């Protein structure tokens, strides 16, 4: 069973999602509440393990920021899906930069939300219209900051190819390809979008329009 936490200050939204998760038969809602602090307090006193996936509203009524909320949840060991009306791309991008696994609109069918929970629990990033709309403003980064070679190496490596195969395909030395990936990671850190693992690089490549959909789930580099 996928252990799910629902954090939204609209009780009706939580009740609807909880019922949908119950119908799915593979998702167990272990917490439902209105703030991240409430969830973390529940974790502390109940000694329960972190939820596998937390479905989080973009803006809560307690005055917290989305960066703060996502960072606390990811740091606690959960994957985070932003469940939002997604009408504020800058705030959604902020959530993704803080480590959210993806975003799905509150206008989506409830079975699509359940499917998104399954996707993230399986370790895959969400690749949907909401994601594309949220990150559209960041796509100039790749053209402005990454060299043509760095973009080529990132595109192939993030698509799942081993670095040696990437080097062979581009006709460069393995050390050159590795140096390119190192520089790419450094440049992403400089703009506040760290990508320490291959999964993170795949996410950044998707965000910047270099990768439409990963051909396989990348492993750690």
Protein backbone atom coordinates (compact mmCIF):
# COMPACT_ATOMS: atom_id res chain seq x y z
CA UNK A 1 0.00 0.00 0.00
CA UNK A 2 1.15 3.53 -0.81
CA UNK A 3 1.01 5.65 2.33
CA UNK A 4 -0.50 9.04 1.46
CA UNK A 5 -0.84 12.29 3.43
CA UNK A 6 -3.27 15.01 2.35
CA UNK A 7 -2.51 18.62 3.35
CA UNK A 8 -5.09 21.16 2.24
CA UNK A 9 -7.05 23.75 4.20
CA UNK A 10 -10.24 22.80 2.34
CA UNK A 11 -11.77 19.82 4.10
CA UNK A 12 -14.01 18.96 1.14
CA UNK A 13 -10.94 18.53 -1.10
CA UNK A 14 -9.31 16.20 1.42
CA UNK A 15 -12.46 14.13 1.88
CA UNK A 16 -12.85 13.68 -1.87
CA UNK A 17 -9.22 12.60 -2.32
CA UNK A 18 -9.41 10.27 0.66
CA UNK A 19 -12.46 8.53 -0.80
CA UNK A 20 -10.74 8.20 -4.19
CA UNK A 21 -7.61 6.70 -2.62
CA UNK A 22 -9.77 4.22 -0.72
CA UNK A 23 -11.51 3.18 -3.95
CA UNK A 24 -8.15 2.67 -5.66
CA UNK A 25 -7.35 -0.07 -3.16
CA UNK A 26 -3.60 0.56 -3.32
CA UNK A 27 -3.39 3.84 -1.42
CA UNK A 28 -3.83 4.31 2.31
CA UNK A 29 -4.43 7.86 3.56
CA UNK A 30 -2.53 7.92 6.85
CA UNK A 31 -2.99 11.65 7.54
CA UNK A 32 -5.42 14.38 6.51
CA UNK A 33 -4.99 17.94 7.77
CA UNK A 34 -4.65 21.61 6.97
CA UNK A 35 -0.98 22.45 7.67
CA UNK A 36 2.47 20.94 7.31
CA UNK A 37 3.19 21.65 10.97
CA UNK A 38 0.12 19.65 11.96
CA UNK A 39 1.36 16.74 9.85
CA UNK A 40 4.91 16.85 11.25
CA UNK A 41 3.55 17.06 14.81
CA UNK A 42 1.44 13.99 14.09
CA UNK A 43 4.55 12.23 12.80
CA UNK A 44 6.48 13.16 15.94
CA UNK A 45 3.91 12.02 18.47
CA UNK A 46 2.60 8.97 16.64
CA UNK A 47 6.09 7.79 15.64
CA UNK A 48 4.64 6.89 12.23
CA UNK A 49 6.99 6.62 9.24
CA UNK A 50 6.87 9.46 6.69
CA UNK A 51 4.11 9.20 4.10
CA UNK A 52 5.35 7.91 0.74
CA UNK A 53 3.57 10.76 -1.03
CA UNK A 54 2.18 14.02 0.35
CA UNK A 55 -0.48 15.77 -1.73
CA UNK A 56 -0.03 19.45 -0.84
CA UNK A 57 -2.07 22.52 -1.64
CA UNK A 58 0.03 25.28 -3.17
CA UNK A 59 -1.07 27.95 -0.68
CA UNK A 60 -2.17 27.18 2.85
CA UNK A 61 -4.00 29.54 5.19
CA UNK A 62 -1.38 29.56 7.93
CA UNK A 63 0.93 32.06 6.23
CA UNK A 64 3.65 29.55 5.31
CA UNK A 65 5.44 29.71 1.96
CA UNK A 66 5.42 26.90 -0.57
CA UNK A 67 9.21 26.68 -0.44
CA UNK A 68 9.10 26.23 3.33
CA UNK A 69 6.35 23.59 3.13
CA UNK A 70 7.87 21.55 0.33
CA UNK A 71 11.36 21.70 1.83
CA UNK A 72 10.11 20.48 5.22
CA UNK A 73 8.19 17.59 3.69
CA UNK A 74 10.98 16.49 1.35
CA UNK A 75 13.47 16.80 4.19
CA UNK A 76 11.23 14.57 6.28
CA UNK A 77 11.43 11.84 3.65
CA UNK A 78 8.28 12.18 1.54
CA UNK A 79 7.70 12.87 -2.14
CA UNK A 80 5.44 15.87 -2.70
CA UNK A 81 2.76 16.49 -5.32
CA UNK A 82 1.41 20.02 -5.59
CA UNK A 83 -2.39 19.91 -5.97
CA UNK A 84 -3.31 23.37 -7.11
CA UNK A 85 -5.41 25.48 -9.42
CA UNK A 86 -1.98 26.12 -11.02
CA UNK A 87 -2.81 29.68 -12.00
CA UNK A 88 0.41 31.10 -10.55
CA UNK A 89 3.27 29.61 -12.56
CA UNK A 90 5.97 31.45 -10.61
CA UNK A 91 4.77 29.95 -7.31
CA UNK A 92 4.48 26.49 -8.87
CA UNK A 93 8.04 26.82 -10.21
CA UNK A 94 9.10 27.76 -6.69
CA UNK A 95 7.55 24.53 -5.40
CA UNK A 96 9.31 22.46 -8.07
CA UNK A 97 12.63 24.14 -7.30
CA UNK A 98 12.14 23.28 -3.62
CA UNK A 99 11.89 19.61 -4.54
CA UNK A 100 8.25 18.84 -5.37
CA UNK A 101 7.93 15.82 -7.65
CA UNK A 102 5.31 17.47 -9.81
CA UNK A 103 2.06 19.40 -9.98
CA UNK A 104 -1.48 18.42 -10.87
CA UNK A 105 -4.39 20.78 -11.26
CA UNK A 106 -7.42 20.75 -8.98
CA UNK A 107 -9.41 20.84 -12.21
CA UNK A 108 -8.11 17.34 -13.08
CA UNK A 109 -10.35 14.32 -12.70
CA UNK A 110 -9.91 12.71 -9.33
CA UNK A 111 -8.72 9.45 -10.90
CA UNK A 112 -5.91 11.45 -12.55
CA UNK A 113 -4.81 12.64 -9.11
CA UNK A 114 -4.81 9.04 -7.86
CA UNK A 115 -2.77 8.03 -10.92
CA UNK A 116 -0.32 10.87 -10.23
CA UNK A 117 0.17 9.59 -6.68
CA UNK A 118 0.97 6.15 -8.09
CA UNK A 119 3.40 7.61 -10.63
CA UNK A 120 5.35 9.56 -8.02
CA UNK A 121 5.32 6.64 -5.56
CA UNK A 122 6.90 4.52 -8.32
CA UNK A 123 9.75 7.03 -8.53
CA UNK A 124 8.78 8.73 -11.80
CA UNK A 125 8.42 12.51 -12.30
CA UNK A 126 5.07 13.80 -13.50
CA UNK A 127 5.04 14.83 -17.14
CA UNK A 128 1.77 16.66 -17.74
CA UNK A 129 0.28 19.91 -18.99
CA UNK A 130 0.43 21.55 -15.57
CA UNK A 131 4.14 20.74 -15.28
CA UNK A 132 4.87 22.11 -18.74
CA UNK A 133 2.96 25.33 -18.05
CA UNK A 134 4.67 25.83 -14.70
CA UNK A 135 8.21 25.49 -15.98
CA UNK A 136 7.75 27.24 -19.32
CA UNK A 137 9.33 30.42 -17.98
CA UNK A 138 12.55 28.58 -17.08
CA UNK A 139 13.28 27.15 -20.51
CA UNK A 140 15.50 30.04 -21.59
CA UNK A 141 18.06 28.83 -19.03
CA UNK A 142 19.39 26.01 -21.21
CA UNK A 143 19.97 28.23 -24.24
CA UNK A 144 21.48 31.07 -22.23
CA UNK A 145 23.64 29.17 -19.74
CA UNK A 146 24.52 25.77 -21.21
CA UNK A 147 26.85 25.29 -24.17
CA UNK A 148 25.69 23.24 -27.16
CA UNK A 149 27.90 20.34 -26.01
CA UNK A 150 26.57 20.53 -22.46
CA UNK A 151 22.99 20.46 -23.76
CA UNK A 152 23.75 17.41 -25.93
CA UNK A 153 25.41 15.53 -23.07
CA UNK A 154 22.61 16.43 -20.65
CA UNK A 155 19.89 15.41 -23.13
CA UNK A 156 21.35 11.95 -23.74
CA UNK A 157 22.44 11.30 -20.16
CA UNK A 158 19.10 12.41 -18.70
CA UNK A 159 17.30 10.16 -21.20
CA UNK A 160 18.87 7.17 -19.46
CA UNK A 161 22.07 6.43 -21.39
CA UNK A 162 25.21 5.53 -19.40
CA UNK A 163 27.82 8.28 -19.53
CA UNK A 164 30.24 6.10 -21.51
CA UNK A 165 27.58 5.52 -24.18
CA UNK A 166 26.86 9.27 -24.26
CA UNK A 167 30.58 9.94 -24.83
CA UNK A 168 30.77 7.33 -27.61
CA UNK A 169 27.67 8.66 -29.33
CA UNK A 170 28.98 12.23 -29.30
CA UNK A 171 32.50 11.20 -30.28
CA UNK A 172 34.18 12.62 -27.19
CA UNK A 173 36.28 11.14 -24.40
CA UNK A 174 34.52 9.78 -21.33
CA UNK A 175 36.38 12.36 -19.23
CA UNK A 176 35.02 15.14 -21.43
CA UNK A 177 31.42 13.94 -21.05
CA UNK A 178 31.89 13.62 -17.28
CA UNK A 179 33.34 17.14 -17.12
CA UNK A 180 30.33 18.44 -19.07
CA UNK A 181 27.89 16.85 -16.62
CA UNK A 182 29.86 18.29 -13.70
CA UNK A 183 29.68 21.77 -15.23
CA UNK A 184 25.94 21.37 -15.90
CA UNK A 185 25.34 20.42 -12.27
CA UNK A 186 27.41 23.40 -11.09
CA UNK A 187 25.43 25.79 -13.30
CA UNK A 188 22.13 24.48 -11.97
CA UNK A 189 23.36 24.97 -8.39
CA UNK A 190 24.29 28.56 -9.24
CA UNK A 191 20.70 29.36 -10.23
CA UNK A 192 19.18 27.61 -7.21
CA UNK A 193 18.07 24.45 -9.04
CA UNK A 194 20.45 21.76 -7.76
CA UNK A 195 20.56 18.40 -9.57
CA UNK A 196 22.77 16.06 -7.53
CA UNK A 197 21.40 12.81 -9.02
CA UNK A 198 20.56 11.53 -12.48
CA UNK A 199 16.86 11.67 -11.63
CA UNK A 200 17.27 15.36 -10.76
CA UNK A 201 19.08 15.97 -14.05
CA UNK A 202 16.21 14.30 -15.92
CA UNK A 203 13.80 16.62 -14.15
CA UNK A 204 15.86 19.70 -15.03
CA UNK A 205 16.14 18.56 -18.66
CA UNK A 206 12.35 18.19 -18.78
CA UNK A 207 11.86 21.60 -17.16
CA UNK A 208 14.15 23.25 -19.70
CA UNK A 209 12.63 21.59 -22.74
CA UNK A 210 15.62 19.34 -23.48
CA UNK A 211 13.79 16.11 -22.69
CA UNK A 212 10.15 15.51 -23.49
CA UNK A 213 9.79 12.24 -21.61
CA UNK A 214 12.48 10.03 -20.06
CA UNK A 215 12.97 6.77 -21.96
CA UNK A 216 13.61 5.02 -18.68
CA UNK A 217 13.92 5.81 -15.02
CA UNK A 218 17.47 7.12 -14.63
CA UNK A 219 19.68 5.71 -11.93
CA UNK A 220 21.96 7.66 -9.66
CA UNK A 221 25.22 8.97 -11.06
